[in-house]
N, C-alpha and C. Protein backbone atom coordinates (compact mmCIF):
# COMPACT_ATOMS: atom_id res chain seq x y z
N MET A 1 1.06 -1.11 -0.24
CA MET A 1 0.02 -0.14 -0.10
C MET A 1 0.85 1.13 -0.03
N LYS A 2 0.35 2.15 -0.91
CA LYS A 2 1.39 3.44 -0.99
C LYS A 2 0.50 4.50 -0.66
N ASN A 3 1.16 5.42 0.03
CA ASN A 3 0.51 6.76 0.39
C ASN A 3 1.27 7.83 0.63
N SER A 4 0.91 8.94 0.72
CA SER A 4 1.59 10.35 0.64
C SER A 4 1.05 11.11 2.03
N TYR A 5 2.04 11.43 3.10
CA TYR A 5 1.91 12.03 4.30
C TYR A 5 2.24 13.43 4.28
N PRO A 6 1.80 14.22 4.72
CA PRO A 6 2.25 15.65 5.19
C PRO A 6 3.47 15.59 6.11
N VAL A 7 4.51 16.40 5.84
CA VAL A 7 5.34 16.49 6.83
C VAL A 7 6.03 18.14 6.96
N ILE A 8 6.44 18.54 8.20
CA ILE A 8 6.82 19.92 8.25
C ILE A 8 8.39 19.69 8.42
N LEU A 9 8.97 20.43 7.69
CA LEU A 9 10.46 20.67 7.93
C LEU A 9 10.84 21.94 8.43
N ALA A 10 11.43 21.86 9.66
CA ALA A 10 11.88 23.18 10.02
C ALA A 10 13.15 23.31 10.55
N PRO A 11 13.97 24.29 9.81
CA PRO A 11 15.22 24.51 9.87
C PRO A 11 15.72 24.81 11.29
N ASP A 12 17.08 24.31 11.60
CA ASP A 12 17.34 24.48 12.92
C ASP A 12 18.98 24.60 12.71
N ASP A 13 19.61 24.61 13.84
CA ASP A 13 21.07 24.74 13.85
C ASP A 13 21.98 23.58 13.28
N PHE A 14 21.43 22.44 13.32
CA PHE A 14 21.95 21.12 12.88
C PHE A 14 21.36 20.67 11.44
N GLY A 15 20.43 21.55 10.91
CA GLY A 15 19.90 21.15 9.53
C GLY A 15 18.46 21.25 9.58
N PHE A 16 17.54 20.26 9.71
CA PHE A 16 16.06 20.46 9.72
C PHE A 16 15.56 19.30 10.68
N LEU A 17 14.45 19.87 11.52
CA LEU A 17 13.78 19.08 12.34
C LEU A 17 12.64 18.53 11.51
N VAL A 18 12.02 17.38 11.66
CA VAL A 18 10.97 17.09 10.65
C VAL A 18 9.70 16.41 11.95
N TYR A 19 8.45 17.08 11.51
CA TYR A 19 7.38 16.63 12.25
C TYR A 19 6.48 16.01 11.33
N ILE A 20 5.87 14.89 11.65
CA ILE A 20 5.22 14.08 11.01
C ILE A 20 3.69 14.11 11.65
N PRO A 21 2.85 15.24 11.52
CA PRO A 21 1.46 15.05 12.35
C PRO A 21 0.66 13.70 12.31
N ASP A 22 0.57 13.10 11.31
CA ASP A 22 -0.53 12.01 11.20
C ASP A 22 -0.04 10.75 11.96
N PHE A 23 1.51 10.79 12.21
CA PHE A 23 1.80 9.73 13.03
C PHE A 23 2.40 10.21 14.47
N ASP A 24 2.26 11.57 14.69
CA ASP A 24 2.73 12.46 15.86
C ASP A 24 4.26 11.92 16.05
N VAL A 25 5.05 11.87 15.08
CA VAL A 25 6.45 11.54 15.37
C VAL A 25 7.52 12.56 14.77
N ASN A 26 8.67 12.68 15.25
CA ASN A 26 9.54 13.75 14.94
C ASN A 26 10.76 12.84 14.43
N THR A 27 11.69 13.42 13.58
CA THR A 27 13.01 12.88 13.20
C THR A 27 13.86 14.29 12.69
N GLN A 28 14.82 13.95 12.10
CA GLN A 28 15.73 14.99 11.62
C GLN A 28 16.61 14.73 10.65
N GLY A 29 17.12 15.69 9.79
CA GLY A 29 18.26 15.50 9.05
C GLY A 29 19.11 16.57 8.88
N GLU A 30 20.17 16.40 8.27
CA GLU A 30 21.27 17.40 8.19
C GLU A 30 21.08 18.31 7.24
N ASN A 31 20.03 17.90 5.95
CA ASN A 31 19.79 18.82 4.94
C ASN A 31 18.28 18.39 4.50
N ILE A 32 17.89 19.04 3.40
CA ILE A 32 16.56 18.68 3.07
C ILE A 32 16.54 17.39 2.52
N THR A 33 17.39 16.94 1.91
CA THR A 33 17.39 15.39 1.41
C THR A 33 17.37 14.43 2.21
N GLU A 34 18.20 14.53 3.44
CA GLU A 34 18.25 13.51 4.61
C GLU A 34 17.31 13.58 5.26
N ALA A 35 16.43 14.84 5.38
CA ALA A 35 15.26 15.00 6.38
C ALA A 35 14.03 14.28 5.59
N ILE A 36 14.02 14.30 4.29
CA ILE A 36 13.11 13.73 3.61
C ILE A 36 12.93 12.11 3.57
N GLU A 37 14.47 11.87 3.50
CA GLU A 37 14.46 10.39 3.65
C GLU A 37 14.36 9.93 5.19
N MET A 38 14.68 10.59 6.29
CA MET A 38 14.43 10.13 7.42
C MET A 38 12.92 10.26 7.67
N ALA A 39 12.09 11.30 6.97
CA ALA A 39 10.83 11.35 7.30
C ALA A 39 10.20 9.97 6.46
N ARG A 40 10.58 9.55 5.47
CA ARG A 40 10.04 8.36 4.83
C ARG A 40 10.28 7.23 5.70
N ASP A 41 11.51 6.99 6.25
CA ASP A 41 11.92 5.98 7.10
C ASP A 41 10.97 5.89 8.45
N ALA A 42 10.67 7.07 9.23
CA ALA A 42 10.05 7.10 10.10
C ALA A 42 8.66 6.74 9.81
N ILE A 43 7.86 7.19 8.66
CA ILE A 43 6.72 6.78 8.39
C ILE A 43 6.62 5.30 8.11
N GLY A 44 7.69 4.72 7.41
CA GLY A 44 7.64 3.40 7.28
C GLY A 44 7.65 2.37 8.41
N ILE A 45 8.48 2.91 9.30
CA ILE A 45 8.44 2.09 10.59
C ILE A 45 7.25 2.17 11.21
N MET A 46 6.68 3.41 11.60
CA MET A 46 5.26 3.47 12.11
C MET A 46 4.07 2.80 11.55
N GLY A 47 4.33 2.97 10.17
CA GLY A 47 3.20 2.19 9.45
C GLY A 47 3.28 0.66 9.71
N ILE A 48 4.54 0.19 9.83
CA ILE A 48 4.69 -1.27 10.05
C ILE A 48 4.13 -1.67 11.34
N ASP A 49 4.58 -0.96 12.21
CA ASP A 49 4.05 -1.04 13.66
C ASP A 49 2.62 -1.14 13.69
N TYR A 50 1.91 0.11 13.11
CA TYR A 50 0.63 -0.15 13.05
C TYR A 50 0.10 -1.38 12.36
N GLU A 51 0.53 -1.88 11.15
CA GLU A 51 -0.07 -3.06 10.70
C GLU A 51 0.26 -4.27 11.68
N ASP A 52 1.43 -4.43 12.33
CA ASP A 52 1.44 -5.57 13.06
C ASP A 52 0.67 -5.43 14.47
N ASP A 53 0.44 -4.25 14.76
CA ASP A 53 -0.55 -4.26 15.80
C ASP A 53 -1.97 -4.07 15.53
N GLN A 54 -2.07 -4.57 14.21
CA GLN A 54 -3.60 -4.64 13.34
C GLN A 54 -4.44 -3.21 13.75
N LYS A 55 -3.72 -2.20 13.66
CA LYS A 55 -4.51 -0.84 13.79
C LYS A 55 -4.37 -0.47 12.31
N PRO A 56 -5.44 0.35 12.08
CA PRO A 56 -5.60 0.83 10.47
C PRO A 56 -4.64 2.17 10.41
N LEU A 57 -3.94 2.21 9.28
CA LEU A 57 -3.07 3.35 9.10
C LEU A 57 -3.79 4.84 9.08
N PRO A 58 -3.21 5.77 9.54
CA PRO A 58 -3.94 6.86 9.58
C PRO A 58 -4.10 7.41 8.19
N VAL A 59 -5.22 7.86 7.98
CA VAL A 59 -5.67 8.45 6.66
C VAL A 59 -4.77 9.88 6.65
N PRO A 60 -4.01 10.35 5.43
CA PRO A 60 -3.40 11.44 5.39
C PRO A 60 -4.16 12.57 5.41
N SER A 61 -3.48 13.60 6.05
CA SER A 61 -4.28 14.87 6.62
C SER A 61 -4.04 15.71 5.09
N GLN A 62 -4.83 16.74 4.83
CA GLN A 62 -4.86 17.55 3.68
C GLN A 62 -3.72 18.61 4.06
N LEU A 63 -3.17 18.93 2.98
CA LEU A 63 -1.96 20.23 3.16
C LEU A 63 -2.48 21.38 3.88
N CYS A 64 -3.79 21.42 3.31
CA CYS A 64 -4.29 22.90 3.70
C CYS A 64 -4.93 22.78 5.34
N ASP A 65 -4.80 21.71 5.83
CA ASP A 65 -5.39 21.41 7.26
C ASP A 65 -4.16 21.68 8.05
N ILE A 66 -2.91 21.45 7.72
CA ILE A 66 -1.43 21.56 8.40
C ILE A 66 -1.03 22.92 8.56
N THR A 67 -0.96 23.42 9.84
CA THR A 67 -0.19 24.74 10.10
C THR A 67 1.35 24.70 10.24
N ALA A 68 1.84 25.36 9.58
CA ALA A 68 3.43 25.38 9.72
C ALA A 68 3.91 26.88 9.90
N ASP A 69 4.85 27.17 10.39
CA ASP A 69 5.25 28.52 10.59
C ASP A 69 5.91 28.84 9.46
N GLU A 70 6.28 30.41 9.29
CA GLU A 70 6.64 30.71 7.96
C GLU A 70 8.07 30.51 7.44
N ASN A 71 9.05 29.93 8.48
CA ASN A 71 10.32 29.36 7.97
C ASN A 71 10.37 27.93 7.81
N SER A 72 9.22 27.34 8.06
CA SER A 72 9.16 25.92 7.79
C SER A 72 8.65 25.44 6.36
N ILE A 73 9.19 24.25 5.90
CA ILE A 73 8.53 23.78 4.55
C ILE A 73 7.65 22.66 4.94
N LEU A 74 6.52 22.89 4.28
CA LEU A 74 5.17 21.81 4.42
C LEU A 74 5.22 20.98 2.98
N THR A 75 5.54 19.53 3.13
CA THR A 75 5.49 18.98 1.92
C THR A 75 4.96 17.73 2.05
N LEU A 76 4.83 16.69 1.10
CA LEU A 76 4.48 15.49 1.14
C LEU A 76 5.62 14.34 0.94
N VAL A 77 5.42 13.25 1.65
CA VAL A 77 6.39 12.36 1.49
C VAL A 77 5.53 11.06 1.30
N ASP A 78 6.12 10.43 0.32
CA ASP A 78 5.32 9.12 -0.07
C ASP A 78 6.08 8.00 0.51
N VAL A 79 5.32 6.91 0.78
CA VAL A 79 5.80 5.62 1.38
C VAL A 79 5.23 4.29 0.79
N ASP A 80 5.73 3.45 0.40
CA ASP A 80 5.19 2.24 -0.17
C ASP A 80 5.30 1.24 1.00
N PHE A 81 4.43 1.22 1.97
CA PHE A 81 4.51 0.26 3.27
C PHE A 81 4.90 -1.26 2.75
N THR A 82 4.40 -1.69 1.59
CA THR A 82 4.80 -3.10 1.21
C THR A 82 6.02 -3.21 0.88
N GLU A 83 6.60 -2.14 0.28
CA GLU A 83 8.02 -2.27 -0.49
C GLU A 83 9.02 -1.91 0.91
N TYR A 84 8.58 -1.17 1.72
CA TYR A 84 9.22 -0.88 2.96
C TYR A 84 9.53 -1.88 3.77
N ARG A 85 8.34 -2.62 3.89
CA ARG A 85 8.42 -3.91 4.85
C ARG A 85 9.51 -4.91 4.24
N ARG A 86 9.32 -5.03 2.89
CA ARG A 86 10.10 -6.13 2.26
C ARG A 86 11.50 -5.80 2.13
N LYS A 87 11.71 -4.54 2.26
CA LYS A 87 13.44 -4.03 2.38
C LYS A 87 13.97 -4.21 3.62
N ASN A 88 12.90 -3.98 4.58
CA ASN A 88 13.74 -4.07 6.06
C ASN A 88 13.25 -5.34 6.86
N GLU A 89 12.73 -6.10 5.91
CA GLU A 89 12.47 -7.64 6.58
C GLU A 89 13.56 -8.22 6.93
N THR A 90 13.92 -8.67 8.11
CA THR A 90 15.31 -9.24 8.57
C THR A 90 15.09 -10.73 8.84
N ARG A 91 14.05 -11.39 8.54
CA ARG A 91 13.72 -12.93 8.94
C ARG A 91 14.71 -13.59 7.57
N THR A 92 14.93 -14.79 7.90
CA THR A 92 15.72 -15.57 7.05
C THR A 92 14.89 -16.68 6.38
N VAL A 93 15.13 -17.04 5.37
CA VAL A 93 14.34 -18.14 4.39
C VAL A 93 15.34 -19.01 4.02
N LYS A 94 14.90 -20.39 4.06
CA LYS A 94 15.75 -21.52 3.69
C LYS A 94 15.47 -21.64 2.15
N LYS A 95 16.59 -21.71 1.47
CA LYS A 95 16.75 -21.94 0.06
C LYS A 95 17.44 -23.34 -0.34
N ASN A 96 16.87 -24.17 -1.26
CA ASN A 96 17.80 -25.12 -1.53
C ASN A 96 18.36 -24.93 -2.98
N CYS A 97 19.54 -25.31 -2.93
CA CYS A 97 20.51 -25.36 -4.14
C CYS A 97 21.38 -26.40 -4.61
N THR A 98 21.53 -26.62 -5.69
CA THR A 98 22.42 -27.73 -6.13
C THR A 98 23.74 -27.27 -6.54
N LEU A 99 24.88 -28.04 -6.31
CA LEU A 99 25.89 -27.70 -6.89
C LEU A 99 26.89 -29.29 -6.81
N PRO A 100 27.89 -29.24 -7.66
CA PRO A 100 28.53 -30.43 -7.87
C PRO A 100 29.24 -31.15 -6.46
N SER A 101 29.19 -32.35 -6.50
CA SER A 101 29.59 -32.90 -5.19
C SER A 101 31.05 -32.66 -4.91
N TRP A 102 32.03 -32.60 -5.75
CA TRP A 102 33.28 -32.46 -5.55
C TRP A 102 33.35 -30.95 -5.09
N LEU A 103 32.58 -30.01 -5.44
CA LEU A 103 32.67 -28.52 -4.87
C LEU A 103 32.03 -28.60 -3.60
N CYS A 104 31.08 -29.14 -3.21
CA CYS A 104 30.48 -29.38 -1.95
C CYS A 104 31.64 -29.73 -0.87
N TYR A 105 32.04 -30.97 -1.38
CA TYR A 105 33.03 -31.66 -0.55
C TYR A 105 34.48 -30.53 -0.24
N GLU A 106 34.70 -30.03 -1.26
CA GLU A 106 35.91 -28.87 -0.96
C GLU A 106 35.43 -27.87 -0.14
N ALA A 107 34.28 -27.29 -0.17
CA ALA A 107 33.87 -26.19 0.41
C ALA A 107 33.55 -26.61 2.03
N GLU A 108 33.15 -27.70 2.20
CA GLU A 108 33.06 -28.31 3.68
C GLU A 108 34.22 -28.50 4.32
N LYS A 109 35.31 -29.09 3.52
CA LYS A 109 36.56 -29.34 4.15
C LYS A 109 37.25 -27.93 4.47
N ALA A 110 36.95 -26.98 3.79
CA ALA A 110 37.49 -25.50 3.99
C ALA A 110 36.57 -24.66 5.18
N ASN A 111 35.81 -25.75 5.66
CA ASN A 111 34.84 -24.91 6.51
C ASN A 111 34.29 -23.48 6.19
N ILE A 112 33.68 -23.46 4.80
CA ILE A 112 32.86 -22.49 4.22
C ILE A 112 31.54 -22.39 4.59
N ASN A 113 30.92 -21.27 5.08
CA ASN A 113 29.65 -21.05 5.52
C ASN A 113 28.94 -20.88 3.94
N PHE A 114 27.93 -21.76 3.66
CA PHE A 114 27.43 -21.88 2.38
C PHE A 114 26.47 -20.58 2.47
N SER A 115 25.75 -20.50 3.41
CA SER A 115 24.76 -19.24 3.50
C SER A 115 25.54 -18.05 3.44
N GLN A 116 26.53 -17.61 3.90
CA GLN A 116 27.35 -16.61 4.02
C GLN A 116 27.76 -16.27 2.52
N VAL A 117 28.44 -17.31 1.80
CA VAL A 117 28.84 -17.26 0.48
C VAL A 117 27.81 -16.89 -0.43
N LEU A 118 26.61 -17.53 -0.36
CA LEU A 118 25.59 -17.38 -1.26
C LEU A 118 25.24 -16.06 -0.92
N GLN A 119 25.01 -15.48 0.14
CA GLN A 119 24.57 -14.03 0.39
C GLN A 119 25.32 -12.95 -0.52
N ALA A 120 26.86 -13.32 0.12
CA ALA A 120 27.79 -12.36 -0.65
C ALA A 120 27.52 -12.39 -2.07
N ALA A 121 27.52 -13.50 -2.53
CA ALA A 121 27.51 -13.62 -4.01
C ALA A 121 26.32 -12.79 -4.87
N LEU A 122 25.13 -13.07 -4.11
CA LEU A 122 23.76 -12.63 -4.26
C LEU A 122 23.93 -11.10 -4.34
N LYS A 123 24.46 -10.58 -3.35
CA LYS A 123 24.51 -9.14 -3.21
C LYS A 123 25.58 -8.55 -4.08
N HIS A 124 26.56 -9.40 -4.40
CA HIS A 124 27.40 -8.87 -5.50
C HIS A 124 26.75 -8.78 -7.10
N GLU A 125 26.13 -9.83 -7.30
CA GLU A 125 25.19 -9.95 -8.69
C GLU A 125 24.35 -9.09 -8.74
N LEU A 126 23.89 -8.66 -7.55
CA LEU A 126 22.48 -7.78 -7.65
C LEU A 126 22.92 -6.14 -7.60
N LYS A 127 24.19 -6.04 -7.17
CA LYS A 127 24.92 -4.76 -6.93
C LYS A 127 24.19 -4.08 -5.84
N ILE A 128 24.14 -4.95 -4.60
CA ILE A 128 23.55 -4.30 -3.59
C ILE A 128 24.69 -3.91 -2.45
N ALA A 129 24.61 -2.90 -2.11
CA ALA A 129 25.65 -2.48 -0.86
C ALA A 129 25.10 -2.62 0.37
N GLU A 130 26.12 -2.98 1.28
CA GLU A 130 25.45 -3.34 2.62
C GLU A 130 25.29 -1.99 3.47
């Protein structure tokens, strides 16, 4: 499920304070880009918590219903809760793979962790940085 929520970015001495009214949560960032990324992350975390607690997600407020002071930036941040959950899911899954018996023998003899090697290879192949 994807939605957009209003956020208020207020400049301060360290960058921007971010307030997300619909979730009543704050975060911060050193610049506008980081502040928006942190807002998206905070909304994603809160949304997953709501879903896990079987609470309905808040309906996004309209921008015209949000009050921000003249030095602040009022904007929308979109979050795809399904995608956020998928990217941040930490549980492991078991996969079955096949390889030649001689290679399996050599790897076991060298005490190689098959899961660790497969994860590293998949990240390399998919160009995913840790």
